[in-house]
Amino acid sequence: MTTHHILRLALCAGAFALLAACAAPPPDRHASATSTPSTVDCPDVTRLHAAQLYGSWNVELVQAGLRGQLTLREHPEYTASLRGEFSYGGRHSIASGDVEDGEFNLDESRDGKALHAFWSGKLVPAACGAEIRGTWQPLAQPGQPPLPESDFVLRRASTLVNW
């Protein structure tokens, strides 16, 4: 083989190496050697605390066919808990509850004294803490027909997240 052929092979090999490097995805500078690559950096929803759920949420009661809003903030007496207001179906309610290990629980009261419903759900890992799904369980109210349970979906109304 002549020097000209060797030089040509070396240039081709170098060009091939550059093309291969360009075709490969860039390394994830946030991933450790033991983690699997991810397209989205989500928090572990089992580690989220009440403060990370503060803000506005869109409410959907699936079977009940109702939509509305929920605003969550710090509970005035229990700083690790939630307090807020629901507005759906033309009614307003007070909400109090907690999030722990990805489990979400709220008590709903229409008058601030008697319980109206329980909201029990889980934060959805794939939604990065911006969605909660569960069951709405209304309590029997005196003089009113009982309301059936309904699945619920809460979706963060704003894109601002407080991780």
N, C-alpha and C. Protein backbone atom coordinates (compact mmCIF):
# COMPACT_ATOMS: atom_id res chain seq x y z
N MET A 1 0.84 -1.17 0.00
CA MET A 1 0.00 0.00 0.00
C MET A 1 0.89 1.24 0.00
N THR A 2 0.50 2.20 -0.78
CA THR A 2 1.30 3.41 -0.86
C THR A 2 0.92 4.37 0.26
N THR A 3 1.80 5.34 0.45
CA THR A 3 1.56 6.36 1.47
C THR A 3 0.27 7.11 1.18
N HIS A 4 0.00 7.32 -0.08
CA HIS A 4 -1.21 8.02 -0.51
C HIS A 4 -2.46 7.24 -0.08
N HIS A 5 -2.46 5.90 -0.24
CA HIS A 5 -3.59 5.07 0.17
C HIS A 5 -3.77 5.07 1.70
N ILE A 6 -2.64 5.00 2.40
CA ILE A 6 -2.71 5.00 3.87
C ILE A 6 -3.28 6.32 4.38
N LEU A 7 -2.83 7.42 3.80
CA LEU A 7 -3.34 8.73 4.18
C LEU A 7 -4.83 8.84 3.89
N ARG A 8 -5.24 8.32 2.76
CA ARG A 8 -6.65 8.36 2.37
C ARG A 8 -7.50 7.52 3.34
N LEU A 9 -7.02 6.34 3.73
CA LEU A 9 -7.73 5.50 4.68
C LEU A 9 -7.83 6.19 6.05
N ALA A 10 -6.76 6.84 6.48
CA ALA A 10 -6.77 7.53 7.76
C ALA A 10 -7.78 8.68 7.75
N LEU A 11 -7.85 9.42 6.64
CA LEU A 11 -8.82 10.51 6.53
C LEU A 11 -10.25 9.97 6.53
N CYS A 12 -10.48 8.88 5.83
CA CYS A 12 -11.81 8.28 5.79
C CYS A 12 -12.21 7.78 7.18
N ALA A 13 -11.26 7.15 7.89
CA ALA A 13 -11.55 6.65 9.23
C ALA A 13 -11.86 7.81 10.17
N GLY A 14 -11.13 8.90 10.07
CA GLY A 14 -11.39 10.08 10.90
C GLY A 14 -12.74 10.69 10.59
N ALA A 15 -13.07 10.78 9.31
CA ALA A 15 -14.36 11.33 8.91
C ALA A 15 -15.50 10.44 9.43
N PHE A 16 -15.31 9.12 9.34
CA PHE A 16 -16.32 8.19 9.83
C PHE A 16 -16.53 8.35 11.34
N ALA A 17 -15.44 8.50 12.08
CA ALA A 17 -15.52 8.68 13.53
C ALA A 17 -16.27 9.97 13.87
N LEU A 18 -16.02 11.06 13.12
CA LEU A 18 -16.74 12.31 13.36
C LEU A 18 -18.22 12.17 13.07
N LEU A 19 -18.57 11.50 11.97
CA LEU A 19 -19.97 11.28 11.63
C LEU A 19 -20.66 10.44 12.70
N ALA A 20 -20.00 9.41 13.18
CA ALA A 20 -20.59 8.56 14.22
C ALA A 20 -20.82 9.36 15.50
N ALA A 21 -19.89 10.23 15.84
CA ALA A 21 -20.04 11.05 17.05
C ALA A 21 -21.20 12.01 16.91
N CYS A 22 -21.40 12.57 15.71
CA CYS A 22 -22.50 13.50 15.49
C CYS A 22 -23.85 12.79 15.52
N ALA A 23 -23.89 11.54 15.09
CA ALA A 23 -25.14 10.80 15.05
C ALA A 23 -25.59 10.34 16.44
N ALA A 24 -24.68 10.21 17.38
CA ALA A 24 -25.03 9.76 18.73
C ALA A 24 -25.65 10.90 19.51
N PRO A 25 -26.62 10.60 20.40
CA PRO A 25 -27.20 11.68 21.21
C PRO A 25 -26.16 12.22 22.18
N PRO A 26 -26.27 13.51 22.53
CA PRO A 26 -25.31 14.08 23.48
C PRO A 26 -25.47 13.42 24.84
N PRO A 27 -24.39 13.33 25.59
CA PRO A 27 -24.50 12.71 26.92
C PRO A 27 -25.34 13.58 27.85
N ASP A 28 -26.06 12.93 28.74
CA ASP A 28 -26.88 13.63 29.74
C ASP A 28 -25.97 14.02 30.88
N ARG A 29 -25.72 15.32 31.03
CA ARG A 29 -24.77 15.74 32.06
C ARG A 29 -25.36 15.65 33.45
N HIS A 30 -26.68 15.42 33.55
CA HIS A 30 -27.30 15.27 34.87
C HIS A 30 -27.39 13.82 35.30
N ALA A 31 -27.20 12.89 34.39
CA ALA A 31 -27.37 11.47 34.71
C ALA A 31 -26.09 10.92 35.33
N SER A 32 -26.25 10.06 36.31
CA SER A 32 -25.09 9.41 36.91
C SER A 32 -24.79 8.15 36.11
N ALA A 33 -23.68 7.52 36.41
CA ALA A 33 -23.28 6.33 35.67
C ALA A 33 -24.26 5.19 35.88
N THR A 34 -25.00 5.19 37.00
CA THR A 34 -25.91 4.09 37.27
C THR A 34 -27.35 4.39 36.88
N SER A 35 -27.67 5.63 36.49
CA SER A 35 -29.05 5.95 36.15
C SER A 35 -29.30 5.69 34.67
N THR A 36 -30.60 5.50 34.38
CA THR A 36 -30.97 5.31 32.99
C THR A 36 -31.29 6.67 32.41
N PRO A 37 -31.03 6.89 31.11
CA PRO A 37 -31.30 8.18 30.51
C PRO A 37 -32.80 8.49 30.54
N SER A 38 -33.12 9.75 30.70
CA SER A 38 -34.50 10.18 30.76
C SER A 38 -34.67 11.41 29.90
N THR A 39 -35.86 11.58 29.31
CA THR A 39 -36.11 12.74 28.49
C THR A 39 -36.61 13.91 29.32
N VAL A 40 -37.10 13.65 30.54
CA VAL A 40 -37.62 14.69 31.40
C VAL A 40 -37.03 14.51 32.80
N ASP A 41 -36.59 15.62 33.38
CA ASP A 41 -36.10 15.57 34.76
C ASP A 41 -37.27 15.85 35.69
N CYS A 42 -37.84 14.80 36.26
CA CYS A 42 -38.98 14.92 37.18
C CYS A 42 -38.51 14.67 38.60
N PRO A 43 -39.15 15.32 39.56
CA PRO A 43 -38.85 15.00 40.94
C PRO A 43 -39.49 13.66 41.29
N ASP A 44 -39.01 13.03 42.32
CA ASP A 44 -39.63 11.83 42.86
C ASP A 44 -40.89 12.28 43.58
N VAL A 45 -42.07 11.95 43.05
CA VAL A 45 -43.32 12.47 43.62
C VAL A 45 -43.57 11.97 45.04
N THR A 46 -42.91 10.89 45.44
CA THR A 46 -43.08 10.42 46.81
C THR A 46 -42.34 11.30 47.80
N ARG A 47 -41.51 12.22 47.30
CA ARG A 47 -40.76 13.12 48.18
C ARG A 47 -41.30 14.55 48.17
N LEU A 48 -42.37 14.79 47.41
CA LEU A 48 -42.94 16.14 47.37
C LEU A 48 -43.65 16.45 48.68
N HIS A 49 -43.57 17.71 49.08
CA HIS A 49 -44.21 18.18 50.31
C HIS A 49 -45.33 19.15 49.97
N ALA A 50 -46.10 19.50 50.96
CA ALA A 50 -47.25 20.38 50.77
C ALA A 50 -46.88 21.66 50.02
N ALA A 51 -45.78 22.30 50.39
CA ALA A 51 -45.40 23.57 49.76
C ALA A 51 -45.21 23.44 48.25
N GLN A 52 -44.86 22.26 47.79
CA GLN A 52 -44.64 22.06 46.36
C GLN A 52 -45.95 21.88 45.60
N LEU A 53 -47.08 21.84 46.31
CA LEU A 53 -48.39 21.75 45.67
C LEU A 53 -49.16 23.06 45.74
N TYR A 54 -48.58 24.08 46.38
CA TYR A 54 -49.25 25.38 46.47
C TYR A 54 -49.51 25.91 45.06
N GLY A 55 -50.67 26.56 44.91
CA GLY A 55 -51.00 27.19 43.63
C GLY A 55 -52.38 26.77 43.15
N SER A 56 -52.63 27.05 41.88
CA SER A 56 -53.94 26.79 41.27
C SER A 56 -53.94 25.46 40.53
N TRP A 57 -55.04 24.74 40.67
CA TRP A 57 -55.24 23.44 40.04
C TRP A 57 -56.59 23.43 39.34
N ASN A 58 -56.64 22.82 38.16
CA ASN A 58 -57.90 22.59 37.48
C ASN A 58 -58.48 21.30 38.03
N VAL A 59 -59.77 21.31 38.33
CA VAL A 59 -60.47 20.18 38.93
C VAL A 59 -61.38 19.55 37.89
N GLU A 60 -61.37 18.23 37.83
CA GLU A 60 -62.34 17.50 37.01
C GLU A 60 -62.87 16.34 37.83
N LEU A 61 -64.17 16.33 38.05
CA LEU A 61 -64.85 15.18 38.65
C LEU A 61 -65.44 14.40 37.48
N VAL A 62 -64.80 13.31 37.13
CA VAL A 62 -65.07 12.61 35.87
C VAL A 62 -66.52 12.15 35.76
N GLN A 63 -66.97 11.25 36.63
CA GLN A 63 -68.33 10.71 36.53
C GLN A 63 -69.39 11.76 36.84
N ALA A 64 -69.08 12.69 37.73
CA ALA A 64 -70.03 13.74 38.08
C ALA A 64 -70.16 14.78 36.98
N GLY A 65 -69.21 14.79 36.04
CA GLY A 65 -69.26 15.75 34.93
C GLY A 65 -69.06 17.19 35.38
N LEU A 66 -68.29 17.39 36.43
CA LEU A 66 -68.07 18.74 36.95
C LEU A 66 -66.62 19.15 36.74
N ARG A 67 -66.43 20.45 36.51
CA ARG A 67 -65.09 21.03 36.38
C ARG A 67 -65.04 22.28 37.24
N GLY A 68 -63.83 22.62 37.66
CA GLY A 68 -63.68 23.82 38.47
C GLY A 68 -62.23 24.10 38.79
N GLN A 69 -62.03 24.76 39.92
CA GLN A 69 -60.70 25.19 40.35
C GLN A 69 -60.47 24.82 41.80
N LEU A 70 -59.19 24.63 42.13
CA LEU A 70 -58.74 24.44 43.50
C LEU A 70 -57.50 25.29 43.69
N THR A 71 -57.47 26.05 44.74
CA THR A 71 -56.28 26.83 45.09
C THR A 71 -55.75 26.28 46.41
N LEU A 72 -54.47 25.91 46.42
CA LEU A 72 -53.84 25.36 47.62
C LEU A 72 -52.76 26.30 48.13
N ARG A 73 -52.63 26.36 49.45
CA ARG A 73 -51.59 27.16 50.11
C ARG A 73 -51.28 26.51 51.45
N GLU A 74 -50.43 27.15 52.23
CA GLU A 74 -50.06 26.64 53.55
C GLU A 74 -51.24 26.70 54.52
N HIS A 75 -51.42 25.64 55.28
CA HIS A 75 -52.45 25.61 56.31
C HIS A 75 -52.03 26.60 57.41
N PRO A 76 -52.95 27.43 57.90
CA PRO A 76 -52.57 28.44 58.90
C PRO A 76 -52.13 27.86 60.25
N GLU A 77 -52.57 26.66 60.59
CA GLU A 77 -52.21 26.07 61.89
C GLU A 77 -51.15 24.98 61.78
N TYR A 78 -51.10 24.30 60.66
CA TYR A 78 -50.18 23.17 60.47
C TYR A 78 -49.35 23.43 59.22
N THR A 79 -48.14 23.94 59.40
CA THR A 79 -47.34 24.40 58.27
C THR A 79 -46.97 23.30 57.27
N ALA A 80 -47.01 22.05 57.68
CA ALA A 80 -46.70 20.96 56.76
C ALA A 80 -47.95 20.44 56.05
N SER A 81 -49.08 21.11 56.25
CA SER A 81 -50.36 20.68 55.65
C SER A 81 -50.85 21.70 54.64
N LEU A 82 -51.96 21.36 54.00
CA LEU A 82 -52.55 22.19 52.95
C LEU A 82 -53.87 22.79 53.41
N ARG A 83 -54.16 23.98 52.89
CA ARG A 83 -55.47 24.63 53.05
C ARG A 83 -55.80 25.23 51.70
N GLY A 84 -57.06 25.26 51.36
CA GLY A 84 -57.42 25.84 50.08
C GLY A 84 -58.91 26.00 49.90
N GLU A 85 -59.26 26.38 48.68
CA GLU A 85 -60.66 26.57 48.32
C GLU A 85 -60.96 25.88 47.01
N PHE A 86 -62.09 25.16 46.99
CA PHE A 86 -62.63 24.57 45.77
C PHE A 86 -63.69 25.50 45.22
N SER A 87 -63.83 25.49 43.91
CA SER A 87 -64.93 26.13 43.23
C SER A 87 -65.29 25.23 42.05
N TYR A 88 -66.43 24.55 42.16
CA TYR A 88 -66.90 23.68 41.07
C TYR A 88 -68.40 23.49 41.22
N GLY A 89 -69.06 23.24 40.11
CA GLY A 89 -70.50 23.02 40.14
C GLY A 89 -71.29 24.16 40.73
N GLY A 90 -70.77 25.39 40.62
CA GLY A 90 -71.46 26.55 41.17
C GLY A 90 -71.38 26.67 42.68
N ARG A 91 -70.56 25.84 43.32
CA ARG A 91 -70.43 25.86 44.78
C ARG A 91 -69.00 26.16 45.18
N HIS A 92 -68.81 26.65 46.39
CA HIS A 92 -67.48 26.92 46.93
C HIS A 92 -67.32 26.11 48.21
N SER A 93 -66.11 25.59 48.40
CA SER A 93 -65.81 24.76 49.56
C SER A 93 -64.42 25.08 50.10
N ILE A 94 -64.22 24.68 51.34
CA ILE A 94 -62.91 24.80 51.99
C ILE A 94 -62.24 23.43 51.95
N ALA A 95 -60.94 23.42 51.69
CA ALA A 95 -60.18 22.17 51.64
C ALA A 95 -59.05 22.21 52.66
N SER A 96 -58.85 21.09 53.34
CA SER A 96 -57.73 20.94 54.26
C SER A 96 -57.19 19.53 54.09
N GLY A 97 -55.85 19.40 54.08
CA GLY A 97 -55.31 18.06 53.93
C GLY A 97 -53.81 18.00 53.92
N ASP A 98 -53.31 16.87 53.39
CA ASP A 98 -51.88 16.58 53.42
C ASP A 98 -51.45 15.85 52.15
N VAL A 99 -50.14 15.84 51.94
CA VAL A 99 -49.51 14.97 50.96
C VAL A 99 -48.35 14.30 51.67
N GLU A 100 -48.27 12.98 51.52
CA GLU A 100 -47.19 12.23 52.17
C GLU A 100 -46.89 10.99 51.34
N ASP A 101 -45.63 10.82 50.99
CA ASP A 101 -45.18 9.67 50.20
C ASP A 101 -45.96 9.52 48.89
N GLY A 102 -46.34 10.64 48.29
CA GLY A 102 -47.06 10.62 47.03
C GLY A 102 -48.56 10.42 47.18
N GLU A 103 -49.02 10.23 48.42
CA GLU A 103 -50.46 10.08 48.71
C GLU A 103 -51.03 11.47 49.01
N PHE A 104 -52.18 11.78 48.42
CA PHE A 104 -52.80 13.09 48.55
C PHE A 104 -54.18 12.90 49.17
N ASN A 105 -54.46 13.63 50.25
CA ASN A 105 -55.76 13.53 50.92
C ASN A 105 -56.25 14.90 51.34
N LEU A 106 -57.49 15.21 50.97
CA LEU A 106 -58.11 16.46 51.38
C LEU A 106 -59.48 16.17 51.96
N ASP A 107 -59.86 16.97 52.95
CA ASP A 107 -61.23 16.99 53.46
C ASP A 107 -61.86 18.24 52.87
N GLU A 108 -63.10 18.12 52.42
CA GLU A 108 -63.83 19.25 51.84
C GLU A 108 -65.02 19.58 52.72
N SER A 109 -65.19 20.88 53.01
CA SER A 109 -66.32 21.36 53.80
C SER A 109 -66.97 22.53 53.08
N ARG A 110 -68.28 22.51 53.02
CA ARG A 110 -69.00 23.61 52.37
C ARG A 110 -69.26 24.77 53.34
N ASP A 111 -69.33 24.44 54.64
CA ASP A 111 -69.65 25.48 55.62
C ASP A 111 -68.53 25.74 56.62
N GLY A 112 -67.41 25.05 56.50
CA GLY A 112 -66.30 25.23 57.43
C GLY A 112 -66.45 24.44 58.72
N LYS A 113 -67.54 23.67 58.83
CA LYS A 113 -67.78 22.88 60.04
C LYS A 113 -67.96 21.40 59.72
N ALA A 114 -68.93 21.09 58.88
CA ALA A 114 -69.26 19.70 58.55
C ALA A 114 -68.52 19.26 57.29
N LEU A 115 -68.12 17.99 57.28
CA LEU A 115 -67.45 17.45 56.10
C LEU A 115 -68.45 17.23 54.97
N HIS A 116 -68.03 17.59 53.77
CA HIS A 116 -68.86 17.37 52.58
C HIS A 116 -68.34 16.18 51.78
N ALA A 117 -66.98 16.07 51.66
CA ALA A 117 -66.41 14.98 50.87
C ALA A 117 -64.95 14.76 51.25
N PHE A 118 -64.47 13.57 50.88
CA PHE A 118 -63.05 13.22 51.01
C PHE A 118 -62.47 13.10 49.61
N TRP A 119 -61.25 13.61 49.44
CA TRP A 119 -60.50 13.49 48.20
C TRP A 119 -59.25 12.66 48.51
N SER A 120 -59.17 11.48 47.96
CA SER A 120 -58.03 10.58 48.19
C SER A 120 -57.42 10.21 46.86
N GLY A 121 -56.12 10.51 46.70
CA GLY A 121 -55.49 10.21 45.43
C GLY A 121 -53.99 10.07 45.53
N LYS A 122 -53.38 10.00 44.37
CA LYS A 122 -51.92 9.86 44.27
C LYS A 122 -51.39 10.83 43.22
N LEU A 123 -50.20 11.34 43.48
CA LEU A 123 -49.52 12.15 42.49
C LEU A 123 -49.07 11.23 41.36
N VAL A 124 -49.23 11.67 40.13
CA VAL A 124 -48.88 10.86 38.96
C VAL A 124 -47.41 11.08 38.64
N PRO A 125 -46.56 10.03 38.77
CA PRO A 125 -45.12 10.19 38.52
C PRO A 125 -44.79 10.74 37.13
N ALA A 126 -45.47 10.27 36.10
CA ALA A 126 -45.16 10.71 34.74
C ALA A 126 -45.50 12.18 34.51
N ALA A 127 -46.35 12.75 35.35
CA ALA A 127 -46.74 14.16 35.22
C ALA A 127 -45.84 15.07 36.05
N CYS A 128 -44.82 14.51 36.67
CA CYS A 128 -43.83 15.28 37.42
C CYS A 128 -44.45 16.11 38.55
N GLY A 129 -45.49 15.60 39.18
CA GLY A 129 -46.11 16.31 40.29
C GLY A 129 -47.13 17.34 39.88
N ALA A 130 -47.45 17.42 38.60
CA ALA A 130 -48.42 18.40 38.11
C ALA A 130 -49.79 17.79 37.88
N GLU A 131 -50.00 16.54 38.30
CA GLU A 131 -51.30 15.89 38.16
C GLU A 131 -51.51 14.94 39.33
N ILE A 132 -52.74 14.95 39.83
CA ILE A 132 -53.14 14.08 40.93
C ILE A 132 -54.43 13.39 40.49
N ARG A 133 -54.49 12.07 40.68
CA ARG A 133 -55.68 11.30 40.33
C ARG A 133 -56.14 10.51 41.54
N GLY A 134 -57.47 10.40 41.67
CA GLY A 134 -57.99 9.65 42.80
C GLY A 134 -59.50 9.57 42.79
N THR A 135 -60.07 9.45 44.00
CA THR A 135 -61.51 9.28 44.17
C THR A 135 -62.06 10.36 45.08
N TRP A 136 -63.15 10.96 44.63
CA TRP A 136 -63.92 11.93 45.40
C TRP A 136 -65.07 11.16 46.04
N GLN A 137 -65.15 11.22 47.38
CA GLN A 137 -66.18 10.48 48.10
C GLN A 137 -67.04 11.44 48.90
N PRO A 138 -68.20 11.82 48.33
CA PRO A 138 -69.08 12.73 49.07
C PRO A 138 -69.77 12.01 50.22
N LEU A 139 -70.01 12.72 51.30
CA LEU A 139 -70.72 12.17 52.46
C LEU A 139 -72.21 12.49 52.34
N ALA A 140 -73.02 11.63 52.88
CA ALA A 140 -74.47 11.87 52.89
C ALA A 140 -74.76 13.15 53.67
N GLN A 141 -75.57 14.00 53.09
CA GLN A 141 -75.94 15.26 53.72
C GLN A 141 -77.41 15.21 54.13
N PRO A 142 -77.74 15.69 55.32
CA PRO A 142 -79.13 15.65 55.78
C PRO A 142 -80.07 16.36 54.81
N GLY A 143 -81.17 15.67 54.48
CA GLY A 143 -82.19 16.27 53.62
C GLY A 143 -81.84 16.31 52.15
N GLN A 144 -80.74 15.69 51.74
CA GLN A 144 -80.34 15.70 50.33
C GLN A 144 -80.10 14.27 49.86
N PRO A 145 -80.37 14.00 48.59
CA PRO A 145 -80.07 12.66 48.08
C PRO A 145 -78.56 12.44 48.06
N PRO A 146 -78.12 11.20 48.33
CA PRO A 146 -76.68 10.94 48.34
C PRO A 146 -76.07 11.12 46.94
N LEU A 147 -74.87 11.65 46.92
CA LEU A 147 -74.15 11.82 45.66
C LEU A 147 -73.25 10.61 45.46
N PRO A 148 -73.13 10.13 44.22
CA PRO A 148 -72.24 8.99 43.96
C PRO A 148 -70.77 9.41 43.96
N GLU A 149 -69.89 8.46 44.25
CA GLU A 149 -68.45 8.70 44.16
C GLU A 149 -68.09 9.04 42.73
N SER A 150 -66.95 9.68 42.58
CA SER A 150 -66.45 10.02 41.24
C SER A 150 -64.93 10.00 41.25
N ASP A 151 -64.35 9.56 40.15
CA ASP A 151 -62.91 9.73 39.98
C ASP A 151 -62.64 11.21 39.81
N PHE A 152 -61.48 11.66 40.25
CA PHE A 152 -61.10 13.05 40.03
C PHE A 152 -59.72 13.12 39.41
N VAL A 153 -59.50 14.24 38.72
CA VAL A 153 -58.19 14.58 38.18
C VAL A 153 -57.94 16.04 38.54
N LEU A 154 -56.80 16.28 39.18
CA LEU A 154 -56.35 17.65 39.45
C LEU A 154 -55.13 17.88 38.58
N ARG A 155 -55.14 18.96 37.81
CA ARG A 155 -53.98 19.30 36.97
C ARG A 155 -53.55 20.72 37.31
N ARG A 156 -52.26 20.87 37.51
CA ARG A 156 -51.71 22.19 37.84
C ARG A 156 -52.12 23.18 36.77
N ALA A 157 -52.69 24.32 37.19
CA ALA A 157 -53.19 25.33 36.25
C ALA A 157 -52.07 26.17 35.66
N SER A 158 -50.98 26.33 36.38
CA SER A 158 -49.86 27.12 35.86
C SER A 158 -48.67 26.22 35.66
N THR A 159 -47.73 26.69 34.86
CA THR A 159 -46.52 25.89 34.61
C THR A 159 -45.43 26.16 35.62
N LEU A 160 -45.65 27.10 36.54
CA LEU A 160 -44.65 27.37 37.56
C LEU A 160 -44.69 26.27 38.61
N VAL A 161 -43.56 25.66 38.83
CA VAL A 161 -43.47 24.58 39.81
C VAL A 161 -42.43 24.95 40.85
N ASN A 162 -42.68 24.55 42.06
CA ASN A 162 -41.82 24.91 43.18
C ASN A 162 -41.10 23.68 43.71
N TRP A 163 -40.15 23.14 42.93
CA TRP A 163 -39.40 21.97 43.41
C TRP A 163 -38.37 22.46 44.34
